[in-house]
Amino acid sequence: VGIHGLENPVTHQKDANYAASVYLGDLLVTCYSLHSRNRTFGNMIGK
């Protein structure tokens, strides 16, 4: 986290690291979102 490779010269995006959308971002939204079927399934188990 906080370390990136070279910027993409075409898109100007930084090289993805663990804080990027596909790693930490996807974890956060799947844990928090009411759209998440895994969260919904777990909620039922907890109840």
All heavy atoms as atom14 arrays in JSON, in Angstrom:
{
  "sequence": "VGIHGLENPVTHQKDANYAASVYLGDLLVTCYSLHSRNRTFGNMIGK",
  "atom14_mask": [
    [1, 1, 1, 1, 1, 1, 1, 0, 0, 0, 0, 0, 0, 0],
    [1, 1, 1, 1, 0, 0, 0, 0, 0, 0, 0, 0, 0, 0],
    [1, 1, 1, 1, 1, 1, 1, 1, 0, 0, 0, 0, 0, 0],
    [1, 1, 1, 1, 1, 1, 1, 1, 1, 1, 0, 0, 0, 0],
    [1, 1, 1, 1, 0, 0, 0, 0, 0, 0, 0, 0, 0, 0],
    [1, 1, 1, 1, 1, 1, 1, 1, 0, 0, 0, 0, 0, 0],
    [1, 1, 1, 1, 1, 1, 1, 1, 1, 0, 0, 0, 0, 0],
    [1, 1, 1, 1, 1, 1, 1, 1, 0, 0, 0, 0, 0, 0],
    [1, 1, 1, 1, 1, 1, 1, 0, 0, 0, 0, 0, 0, 0],
    [1, 1, 1, 1, 1, 1, 1, 0, 0, 0, 0, 0, 0, 0],
    [1, 1, 1, 1, 1, 1, 1, 0, 0, 0, 0, 0, 0, 0],
    [1, 1, 1, 1, 1, 1, 1, 1, 1, 1, 0, 0, 0, 0],
    [1, 1, 1, 1, 1, 1, 1, 1, 1, 0, 0, 0, 0, 0],
    [1, 1, 1, 1, 1, 1, 1, 1, 1, 0, 0, 0, 0, 0],
    [1, 1, 1, 1, 1, 1, 1, 1, 0, 0, 0, 0, 0, 0],
    [1, 1, 1, 1, 1, 0, 0, 0, 0, 0, 0, 0, 0, 0],
    [1, 1, 1, 1, 1, 1, 1, 1, 0, 0, 0, 0, 0, 0],
    [1, 1, 1, 1, 1, 1, 1, 1, 1, 1, 1, 1, 0, 0],
    [1, 1, 1, 1, 1, 0, 0, 0, 0, 0, 0, 0, 0, 0],
    [1, 1, 1, 1, 1, 0, 0, 0, 0, 0, 0, 0, 0, 0],
    [1, 1, 1, 1, 1, 1, 0, 0, 0, 0, 0, 0, 0, 0],
    [1, 1, 1, 1, 1, 1, 1, 0, 0, 0, 0, 0, 0, 0],
    [1, 1, 1, 1, 1, 1, 1, 1, 1, 1, 1, 1, 0, 0],
    [1, 1, 1, 1, 1, 1, 1, 1, 0, 0, 0, 0, 0, 0],
    [1, 1, 1, 1, 0, 0, 0, 0, 0, 0, 0, 0, 0, 0],
    [1, 1, 1, 1, 1, 1, 1, 1, 0, 0, 0, 0, 0, 0],
    [1, 1, 1, 1, 1, 1, 1, 1, 0, 0, 0, 0, 0, 0],
    [1, 1, 1, 1, 1, 1, 1, 1, 0, 0, 0, 0, 0, 0],
    [1, 1, 1, 1, 1, 1, 1, 0, 0, 0, 0, 0, 0, 0],
    [1, 1, 1, 1, 1, 1, 1, 0, 0, 0, 0, 0, 0, 0],
    [1, 1, 1, 1, 1, 1, 0, 0, 0, 0, 0, 0, 0, 0],
    [1, 1, 1, 1, 1, 1, 1, 1, 1, 1, 1, 1, 0, 0],
    [1, 1, 1, 1, 1, 1, 0, 0, 0, 0, 0, 0, 0, 0],
    [1, 1, 1, 1, 1, 1, 1, 1, 0, 0, 0, 0, 0, 0],
    [1, 1, 1, 1, 1, 1, 1, 1, 1, 1, 0, 0, 0, 0],
    [1, 1, 1, 1, 1, 1, 0, 0, 0, 0, 0, 0, 0, 0],
    [1, 1, 1, 1, 1, 1, 1, 1, 1, 1, 1, 0, 0, 0],
    [1, 1, 1, 1, 1, 1, 1, 1, 0, 0, 0, 0, 0, 0],
    [1, 1, 1, 1, 1, 1, 1, 1, 1, 1, 1, 0, 0, 0],
    [1, 1, 1, 1, 1, 1, 1, 0, 0, 0, 0, 0, 0, 0],
    [1, 1, 1, 1, 1, 1, 1, 1, 1, 1, 1, 0, 0, 0],
    [1, 1, 1, 1, 0, 0, 0, 0, 0, 0, 0, 0, 0, 0],
    [1, 1, 1, 1, 1, 1, 1, 1, 0, 0, 0, 0, 0, 0],
    [1, 1, 1, 1, 1, 1, 1, 1, 0, 0, 0, 0, 0, 0],
    [1, 1, 1, 1, 1, 1, 1, 1, 0, 0, 0, 0, 0, 0],
    [1, 1, 1, 1, 0, 0, 0, 0, 0, 0, 0, 0, 0, 0],
    [1, 1, 1, 1, 1, 1, 1, 1, 1, 0, 0, 0, 0, 0]
  ],
  "atom14_positions": [
    [[0.86, -1.18, 0.0], [0.0, 0.0, 0.0], [0.9, 1.23, 0.0], [1.88, 1.3, 0.75], [-0.93, 0.01, 1.23], [-1.71, 1.32, 1.3], [-1.9, -1.17, 1.18], [0.0, 0.0, 0.0], [0.0, 0.0, 0.0], [0.0, 0.0, 0.0], [0.0, 0.0, 0.0], [0.0, 0.0, 0.0], [0.0, 0.0, 0.0], [0.0, 0.0, 0.0]],
    [[0.57, 2.2, -0.85], [1.35, 3.43, -0.92], [2.55, 3.34, -1.83], [3.33, 4.29, -1.93], [0.0, 0.0, 0.0], [0.0, 0.0, 0.0], [0.0, 0.0, 0.0], [0.0, 0.0, 0.0], [0.0, 0.0, 0.0], [0.0, 0.0, 0.0], [0.0, 0.0, 0.0], [0.0, 0.0, 0.0], [0.0, 0.0, 0.0], [0.0, 0.0, 0.0]],
    [[2.73, 2.22, -2.5], [3.85, 2.03, -3.43], [3.28, 1.69, -4.8], [2.45, 0.79, -4.94], [4.79, 0.9, -2.96], [5.36, 1.21, -1.58], [5.9, 0.67, -3.97], [6.16, 0.07, -0.98], [0.0, 0.0, 0.0], [0.0, 0.0, 0.0], [0.0, 0.0, 0.0], [0.0, 0.0, 0.0], [0.0, 0.0, 0.0], [0.0, 0.0, 0.0]],
    [[3.72, 2.42, -5.82], [3.24, 2.2, -7.19], [4.42, 2.1, -8.13], [5.5, 2.64, -7.87], [2.33, 3.34, -7.66], [1.08, 3.48, -6.84], [-0.07, 2.78, -7.11], [0.8, 4.26, -5.76], [-1.0, 3.1, -6.25], [-0.51, 3.99, -5.4], [0.0, 0.0, 0.0], [0.0, 0.0, 0.0], [0.0, 0.0, 0.0], [0.0, 0.0, 0.0]],
    [[4.19, 1.41, -9.26], [5.17, 1.4, -10.32], [5.04, 2.64, -11.18], [4.49, 3.66, -10.75], [0.0, 0.0, 0.0], [0.0, 0.0, 0.0], [0.0, 0.0, 0.0], [0.0, 0.0, 0.0], [0.0, 0.0, 0.0], [0.0, 0.0, 0.0], [0.0, 0.0, 0.0], [0.0, 0.0, 0.0], [0.0, 0.0, 0.0], [0.0, 0.0, 0.0]],
    [[5.51, 2.56, -12.4], [5.47, 3.71, -13.29], [4.04, 3.98, -13.74], [3.22, 3.08, -13.9], [6.36, 3.45, -14.52], [7.86, 3.28, -14.24], [8.59, 2.91, -15.52], [8.44, 4.55, -13.63], [0.0, 0.0, 0.0], [0.0, 0.0, 0.0], [0.0, 0.0, 0.0], [0.0, 0.0, 0.0], [0.0, 0.0, 0.0], [0.0, 0.0, 0.0]],
    [[3.73, 5.25, -13.95], [2.43, 5.65, -14.45], [2.25, 5.19, -15.89], [3.18, 5.26, -16.7], [2.31, 7.18, -14.38], [0.97, 7.73, -14.84], [0.95, 9.24, -14.76], [0.71, 9.77, -13.66], [1.18, 9.89, -15.8], [0.0, 0.0, 0.0], [0.0, 0.0, 0.0], [0.0, 0.0, 0.0], [0.0, 0.0, 0.0], [0.0, 0.0, 0.0]],
    [[1.06, 4.7, -16.24], [0.77, 4.31, -17.61], [0.78, 5.56, -18.49], [0.02, 6.5, -18.23], [-0.6, 3.62, -17.67], [-0.92, 3.07, -19.05], [-0.92, 3.8, -20.02], [-1.22, 1.78, -19.1], [0.0, 0.0, 0.0], [0.0, 0.0, 0.0], [0.0, 0.0, 0.0], [0.0, 0.0, 0.0], [0.0, 0.0, 0.0], [0.0, 0.0, 0.0]],
    [[1.62, 5.59, -19.52], [1.74, 6.82, -20.33], [0.49, 7.13, -21.15], [0.3, 8.27, -21.58], [2.93, 6.51, -21.25], [2.98, 5.01, -21.32], [2.52, 4.52, -19.98], [0.0, 0.0, 0.0], [0.0, 0.0, 0.0], [0.0, 0.0, 0.0], [0.0, 0.0, 0.0], [0.0, 0.0, 0.0], [0.0, 0.0, 0.0], [0.0, 0.0, 0.0]],
    [[-0.36, 6.14, -21.37], [-1.57, 6.35, -22.17], [-2.74, 6.76, -21.28], [-3.4, 7.77, -21.51], [-1.93, 5.08, -22.98], [-3.24, 5.3, -23.73], [-0.81, 4.72, -23.92], [0.0, 0.0, 0.0], [0.0, 0.0, 0.0], [0.0, 0.0, 0.0], [0.0, 0.0, 0.0], [0.0, 0.0, 0.0], [0.0, 0.0, 0.0], [0.0, 0.0, 0.0]],
    [[-2.98, 5.98, -20.23], [-4.14, 6.24, -19.36], [-3.82, 7.17, -18.2], [-4.72, 7.71, -17.56], [-4.67, 4.93, -18.77], [-3.68, 4.36, -17.89], [-5.01, 3.93, -19.87], [0.0, 0.0, 0.0], [0.0, 0.0, 0.0], [0.0, 0.0, 0.0], [0.0, 0.0, 0.0], [0.0, 0.0, 0.0], [0.0, 0.0, 0.0], [0.0, 0.0, 0.0]],
    [[-2.5, 7.32, -17.91], [-2.03, 8.13, -16.78], [-2.47, 7.55, -15.43], [-2.46, 8.24, -14.41], [-2.47, 9.59, -16.9], [-1.98, 10.25, -18.16], [-0.65, 10.5, -18.39], [-2.65, 10.66, -19.27], [-0.5, 11.05, -19.57], [-1.69, 11.15, -20.13], [0.0, 0.0, 0.0], [0.0, 0.0, 0.0], [0.0, 0.0, 0.0], [0.0, 0.0, 0.0]],
    [[-2.86, 6.27, -15.42], [-3.19, 5.6, -14.17], [-1.91, 5.08, -13.52], [-0.97, 4.67, -14.2], [-4.14, 4.42, -14.4], [-5.55, 4.83, -14.78], [-6.44, 3.62, -15.02], [-5.97, 2.55, -15.42], [-7.72, 3.77, -14.79], [0.0, 0.0, 0.0], [0.0, 0.0, 0.0], [0.0, 0.0, 0.0], [0.0, 0.0, 0.0], [0.0, 0.0, 0.0]],
    [[-1.9, 5.08, -12.2], [-0.81, 4.45, -11.48], [-0.91, 2.94, -11.61], [-2.0, 2.39, -11.84], [-0.85, 4.83, -10.0], [-0.66, 6.3, -9.7], [-0.78, 6.56, -8.21], [-0.6, 8.02, -7.86], [-0.75, 8.26, -6.4], [0.0, 0.0, 0.0], [0.0, 0.0, 0.0], [0.0, 0.0, 0.0], [0.0, 0.0, 0.0], [0.0, 0.0, 0.0]],
    [[0.21, 2.26, -11.42], [0.18, 0.81, -11.36], [-0.62, 0.39, -10.13], [-0.46, 0.95, -9.04], [1.62, 0.28, -11.26], [1.68, -1.23, -11.31], [1.07, -1.82, -12.2], [2.33, -1.82, -10.42], [0.0, 0.0, 0.0], [0.0, 0.0, 0.0], [0.0, 0.0, 0.0], [0.0, 0.0, 0.0], [0.0, 0.0, 0.0], [0.0, 0.0, 0.0]],
    [[-1.51, -0.59, -10.3], [-2.39, -1.01, -9.2], [-1.58, -1.64, -8.07], [-0.65, -2.41, -8.3], [-3.43, -2.0, -9.7], [0.0, 0.0, 0.0], [0.0, 0.0, 0.0], [0.0, 0.0, 0.0], [0.0, 0.0, 0.0], [0.0, 0.0, 0.0], [0.0, 0.0, 0.0], [0.0, 0.0, 0.0], [0.0, 0.0, 0.0], [0.0, 0.0, 0.0]],
    [[-1.97, -1.32, -6.83], [-1.4, -2.02, -5.68], [-2.55, -2.55, -4.82], [-3.7, -2.57, -5.25], [-0.45, -1.1, -4.89], [-1.18, 0.07, -4.23], [-2.4, 0.15, -4.22], [-0.4, 0.99, -3.68], [0.0, 0.0, 0.0], [0.0, 0.0, 0.0], [0.0, 0.0, 0.0], [0.0, 0.0, 0.0], [0.0, 0.0, 0.0], [0.0, 0.0, 0.0]],
    [[-2.26, -2.95, -3.61], [-3.28, -3.62, -2.79], [-4.44, -2.71, -2.42], [-5.55, -3.18, -2.18], [-2.62, -4.18, -1.52], [-3.54, -5.09, -0.72], [-4.0, -6.28, -1.26], [-3.94, -4.75, 0.57], [-4.83, -7.11, -0.54], [-4.77, -5.59, 1.3], [-5.22, -6.77, 0.74], [-6.05, -7.59, 1.45], [0.0, 0.0, 0.0], [0.0, 0.0, 0.0]],
    [[-4.2, -1.4, -2.38], [-5.28, -0.47, -2.06], [-6.19, -0.2, -3.26], [-7.17, 0.51, -3.14], [-4.71, 0.85, -1.55], [0.0, 0.0, 0.0], [0.0, 0.0, 0.0], [0.0, 0.0, 0.0], [0.0, 0.0, 0.0], [0.0, 0.0, 0.0], [0.0, 0.0, 0.0], [0.0, 0.0, 0.0], [0.0, 0.0, 0.0], [0.0, 0.0, 0.0]],
    [[-5.85, -0.78, -4.41], [-6.62, -0.53, -5.63], [-7.98, -1.24, -5.58], [-8.26, -2.07, -4.71], [-5.83, -1.0, -6.85], [0.0, 0.0, 0.0], [0.0, 0.0, 0.0], [0.0, 0.0, 0.0], [0.0, 0.0, 0.0], [0.0, 0.0, 0.0], [0.0, 0.0, 0.0], [0.0, 0.0, 0.0], [0.0, 0.0, 0.0], [0.0, 0.0, 0.0]],
    [[-8.78, -0.9, -6.57], [-10.18, -1.34, -6.57], [-10.34, -2.85, -6.54], [-11.19, -3.36, -5.82], [-10.89, -0.76, -7.8], [-10.24, -1.13, -8.99], [0.0, 0.0, 0.0], [0.0, 0.0, 0.0], [0.0, 0.0, 0.0], [0.0, 0.0, 0.0], [0.0, 0.0, 0.0], [0.0, 0.0, 0.0], [0.0, 0.0, 0.0], [0.0, 0.0, 0.0]],
    [[-9.55, -3.57, -7.29], [-9.79, -5.01, -7.44], [-9.43, -5.81, -6.2], [-9.92, -6.93, -6.02], [-9.05, -5.55, -8.68], [-7.55, -5.68, -8.41], [-9.66, -6.86, -9.17], [0.0, 0.0, 0.0], [0.0, 0.0, 0.0], [0.0, 0.0, 0.0], [0.0, 0.0, 0.0], [0.0, 0.0, 0.0], [0.0, 0.0, 0.0], [0.0, 0.0, 0.0]],
    [[-8.59, -5.28, -5.33], [-8.21, -5.98, -4.11], [-9.02, -5.43, -2.92], [-10.06, -5.97, -2.56], [-6.7, -5.86, -3.85], [-5.85, -6.29, -5.02], [-5.28, -5.34, -5.87], [-5.6, -7.63, -5.27], [-4.5, -5.72, -6.95], [-4.82, -8.02, -6.34], [-4.27, -7.07, -7.19], [-3.51, -7.45, -8.25], [0.0, 0.0, 0.0], [0.0, 0.0, 0.0]],
    [[-8.55, -4.36, -2.34], [-9.2, -3.81, -1.16], [-10.59, -3.25, -1.48], [-11.53, -3.41, -0.7], [-8.32, -2.71, -0.55], [-8.77, -2.14, 0.79], [-8.92, -3.23, 1.84], [-7.78, -1.08, 1.25], [0.0, 0.0, 0.0], [0.0, 0.0, 0.0], [0.0, 0.0, 0.0], [0.0, 0.0, 0.0], [0.0, 0.0, 0.0], [0.0, 0.0, 0.0]],
    [[-10.74, -2.6, -2.63], [-12.02, -2.01, -2.99], [-13.13, -3.05, -3.09], [-14.24, -2.85, -2.57], [0.0, 0.0, 0.0], [0.0, 0.0, 0.0], [0.0, 0.0, 0.0], [0.0, 0.0, 0.0], [0.0, 0.0, 0.0], [0.0, 0.0, 0.0], [0.0, 0.0, 0.0], [0.0, 0.0, 0.0], [0.0, 0.0, 0.0], [0.0, 0.0, 0.0]],
    [[-12.85, -4.16, -3.74], [-13.86, -5.2, -3.9], [-14.18, -5.85, -2.56], [-15.33, -6.21, -2.29], [-13.37, -6.26, -4.91], [-14.52, -6.94, -5.63], [-15.69, -6.63, -5.33], [-14.26, -7.77, -6.51], [0.0, 0.0, 0.0], [0.0, 0.0, 0.0], [0.0, 0.0, 0.0], [0.0, 0.0, 0.0], [0.0, 0.0, 0.0], [0.0, 0.0, 0.0]],
    [[-13.17, -6.01, -1.7], [-13.42, -6.54, -0.36], [-14.38, -5.62, 0.41], [-15.35, -6.09, 1.02], [-12.1, -6.66, 0.4], [-12.21, -7.01, 1.89], [-12.77, -8.42, 2.09], [-10.85, -6.88, 2.59], [0.0, 0.0, 0.0], [0.0, 0.0, 0.0], [0.0, 0.0, 0.0], [0.0, 0.0, 0.0], [0.0, 0.0, 0.0], [0.0, 0.0, 0.0]],
    [[-14.13, -4.32, 0.35], [-14.95, -3.38, 1.11], [-16.41, -3.39, 0.64], [-17.33, -3.48, 1.44], [-14.37, -1.96, 1.0], [-13.03, -1.72, 1.69], [-12.5, -0.33, 1.34], [-13.17, -1.87, 3.2], [0.0, 0.0, 0.0], [0.0, 0.0, 0.0], [0.0, 0.0, 0.0], [0.0, 0.0, 0.0], [0.0, 0.0, 0.0], [0.0, 0.0, 0.0]],
    [[-16.62, -3.27, -0.66], [-17.99, -3.18, -1.15], [-18.76, -4.48, -0.92], [-19.96, -4.45, -0.63], [-18.04, -2.76, -2.63], [-17.69, -3.91, -3.57], [-19.42, -2.22, -2.99], [0.0, 0.0, 0.0], [0.0, 0.0, 0.0], [0.0, 0.0, 0.0], [0.0, 0.0, 0.0], [0.0, 0.0, 0.0], [0.0, 0.0, 0.0], [0.0, 0.0, 0.0]],
    [[-18.08, -5.61, -1.02], [-18.77, -6.88, -0.84], [-19.14, -7.09, 0.63], [-20.15, -7.72, 0.94], [-17.91, -8.05, -1.36], [-17.4, -7.73, -2.66], [-18.73, -9.33, -1.47], [0.0, 0.0, 0.0], [0.0, 0.0, 0.0], [0.0, 0.0, 0.0], [0.0, 0.0, 0.0], [0.0, 0.0, 0.0], [0.0, 0.0, 0.0], [0.0, 0.0, 0.0]],
    [[-18.32, -6.55, 1.53], [-18.63, -6.67, 2.96], [-19.72, -5.7, 3.4], [-20.5, -6.01, 4.3], [-17.37, -6.41, 3.79], [-16.16, -7.75, 3.77], [0.0, 0.0, 0.0], [0.0, 0.0, 0.0], [0.0, 0.0, 0.0], [0.0, 0.0, 0.0], [0.0, 0.0, 0.0], [0.0, 0.0, 0.0], [0.0, 0.0, 0.0], [0.0, 0.0, 0.0]],
    [[-19.79, -4.52, 2.76], [-20.69, -3.48, 3.24], [-22.0, -3.38, 2.46], [-23.02, -2.97, 3.01], [-20.0, -2.11, 3.18], [-19.08, -1.81, 4.34], [-17.72, -1.59, 4.16], [-19.58, -1.75, 5.63], [-16.89, -1.31, 5.22], [-18.75, -1.47, 6.71], [-17.41, -1.25, 6.5], [-16.59, -0.98, 7.56], [0.0, 0.0, 0.0], [0.0, 0.0, 0.0]],
    [[-21.98, -3.7, 1.18], [-23.12, -3.38, 0.33], [-24.33, -4.29, 0.57], [-24.19, -5.51, 0.73], [-22.73, -3.49, -1.16], [-23.86, -3.28, -1.99], [0.0, 0.0, 0.0], [0.0, 0.0, 0.0], [0.0, 0.0, 0.0], [0.0, 0.0, 0.0], [0.0, 0.0, 0.0], [0.0, 0.0, 0.0], [0.0, 0.0, 0.0], [0.0, 0.0, 0.0]],
    [[-25.5, -3.69, 0.54], [-26.75, -4.47, 0.65], [-27.01, -5.27, -0.62], [-27.86, -6.15, -0.63], [-27.92, -3.53, 0.94], [-27.87, -2.79, 2.28], [-29.07, -1.87, 2.43], [-27.8, -3.76, 3.45], [0.0, 0.0, 0.0], [0.0, 0.0, 0.0], [0.0, 0.0, 0.0], [0.0, 0.0, 0.0], [0.0, 0.0, 0.0], [0.0, 0.0, 0.0]],
    [[-26.29, -4.96, -1.71], [-26.41, -5.76, -2.94], [-25.64, -7.07, -2.85], [-25.82, -7.95, -3.69], [-25.88, -4.97, -4.14], [-26.67, -3.74, -4.48], [-28.04, -3.75, -4.64], [-26.28, -2.46, -4.7], [-28.46, -2.54, -4.95], [-27.41, -1.73, -4.97], [0.0, 0.0, 0.0], [0.0, 0.0, 0.0], [0.0, 0.0, 0.0], [0.0, 0.0, 0.0]],
    [[-24.76, -7.2, -1.87], [-23.88, -8.36, -1.76], [-24.66, -9.6, -1.33], [-25.17, -9.68, -0.22], [-22.75, -8.08, -0.76], [-22.05, -9.27, -0.45], [0.0, 0.0, 0.0], [0.0, 0.0, 0.0], [0.0, 0.0, 0.0], [0.0, 0.0, 0.0], [0.0, 0.0, 0.0], [0.0, 0.0, 0.0], [0.0, 0.0, 0.0], [0.0, 0.0, 0.0]],
    [[-24.71, -10.59, -2.21], [-25.44, -11.81, -1.85], [-24.68, -12.61, -0.78], [-25.29, -13.32, 0.0], [-25.71, -12.66, -3.09], [-24.49, -13.16, -3.82], [-24.84, -13.83, -5.13], [-25.37, -12.89, -6.11], [-25.67, -13.22, -7.36], [-25.51, -14.46, -7.77], [-26.12, -12.31, -8.21], [0.0, 0.0, 0.0], [0.0, 0.0, 0.0], [0.0, 0.0, 0.0]],
    [[-23.34, -12.48, -0.75], [-22.58, -13.17, 0.3], [-22.88, -12.56, 1.67], [-23.05, -13.27, 2.65], [-21.09, -13.1, -0.02], [-20.72, -14.0, -1.17], [-20.65, -15.21, -1.04], [-20.5, -13.4, -2.34], [0.0, 0.0, 0.0], [0.0, 0.0, 0.0], [0.0, 0.0, 0.0], [0.0, 0.0, 0.0], [0.0, 0.0, 0.0], [0.0, 0.0, 0.0]],
    [[-22.94, -11.24, 1.74], [-23.3, -10.59, 2.99], [-24.71, -10.98, 3.41], [-24.97, -11.25, 4.59], [-23.2, -9.07, 2.82], [-23.46, -8.27, 4.1], [-23.41, -6.77, 3.78], [-23.5, -5.94, 4.97], [-24.63, -5.58, 5.57], [-25.78, -6.01, 5.08], [-24.61, -4.82, 6.64], [0.0, 0.0, 0.0], [0.0, 0.0, 0.0], [0.0, 0.0, 0.0]],
    [[-25.62, -11.03, 2.45], [-27.0, -11.42, 2.74], [-27.08, -12.85, 3.26], [-27.78, -13.14, 4.25], [-27.87, -11.28, 1.47], [-27.84, -9.92, 1.04], [-29.31, -11.71, 1.73], [0.0, 0.0, 0.0], [0.0, 0.0, 0.0], [0.0, 0.0, 0.0], [0.0, 0.0, 0.0], [0.0, 0.0, 0.0], [0.0, 0.0, 0.0], [0.0, 0.0, 0.0]],
    [[-26.34, -13.74, 2.61], [-26.3, -15.14, 3.03], [-25.76, -15.25, 4.45], [-26.33, -15.94, 5.31], [-25.43, -15.93, 2.05], [-25.4, -17.41, 2.29], [-26.31, -18.25, 1.68], [-24.44, -17.99, 3.12], [-26.29, -19.62, 1.88], [-24.39, -19.35, 3.33], [-25.32, -20.17, 2.71], [0.0, 0.0, 0.0], [0.0, 0.0, 0.0], [0.0, 0.0, 0.0]],
    [[-24.66, -14.55, 4.72], [-24.07, -14.58, 6.06], [-25.0, -14.01, 7.11], [-25.07, -14.53, 8.23], [0.0, 0.0, 0.0], [0.0, 0.0, 0.0], [0.0, 0.0, 0.0], [0.0, 0.0, 0.0], [0.0, 0.0, 0.0], [0.0, 0.0, 0.0], [0.0, 0.0, 0.0], [0.0, 0.0, 0.0], [0.0, 0.0, 0.0], [0.0, 0.0, 0.0]],
    [[-25.72, -12.96, 6.76], [-26.67, -12.36, 7.69], [-27.71, -13.39, 8.13], [-28.09, -13.45, 9.3], [-27.33, -11.15, 7.03], [-28.23, -10.39, 7.98], [-27.82, -10.02, 9.07], [-29.47, -10.16, 7.56], [0.0, 0.0, 0.0], [0.0, 0.0, 0.0], [0.0, 0.0, 0.0], [0.0, 0.0, 0.0], [0.0, 0.0, 0.0], [0.0, 0.0, 0.0]],
    [[-28.17, -14.2, 7.19], [-29.13, -15.25, 7.52], [-28.52, -16.27, 8.48], [-29.17, -16.71, 9.44], [-29.61, -15.94, 6.25], [-30.46, -15.09, 5.35], [-30.97, -16.01, 3.88], [-31.97, -14.77, 3.04], [0.0, 0.0, 0.0], [0.0, 0.0, 0.0], [0.0, 0.0, 0.0], [0.0, 0.0, 0.0], [0.0, 0.0, 0.0], [0.0, 0.0, 0.0]],
    [[-27.27, -16.65, 8.21], [-26.6, -17.61, 9.09], [-26.47, -17.03, 10.5], [-26.73, -17.7, 11.5], [-25.21, -17.99, 8.54], [-25.33, -18.62, 7.14], [-24.48, -18.92, 9.5], [-26.11, -19.91, 7.09], [0.0, 0.0, 0.0], [0.0, 0.0, 0.0], [0.0, 0.0, 0.0], [0.0, 0.0, 0.0], [0.0, 0.0, 0.0], [0.0, 0.0, 0.0]],
    [[-26.1, -15.76, 10.59], [-25.97, -15.11, 11.89], [-27.29, -15.03, 12.64], [-27.32, -15.05, 13.87], [0.0, 0.0, 0.0], [0.0, 0.0, 0.0], [0.0, 0.0, 0.0], [0.0, 0.0, 0.0], [0.0, 0.0, 0.0], [0.0, 0.0, 0.0], [0.0, 0.0, 0.0], [0.0, 0.0, 0.0], [0.0, 0.0, 0.0], [0.0, 0.0, 0.0]],
    [[-28.39, -14.94, 11.91], [-29.71, -14.85, 12.54], [-30.3, -16.23, 12.88], [-31.41, -16.31, 13.4], [-30.67, -14.1, 11.61], [-30.38, -12.61, 11.53], [-31.41, -11.89, 10.68], [-31.14, -10.4, 10.62], [-31.21, -9.74, 11.94], [0.0, 0.0, 0.0], [0.0, 0.0, 0.0], [0.0, 0.0, 0.0], [0.0, 0.0, 0.0], [0.0, 0.0, 0.0]]
  ]
}
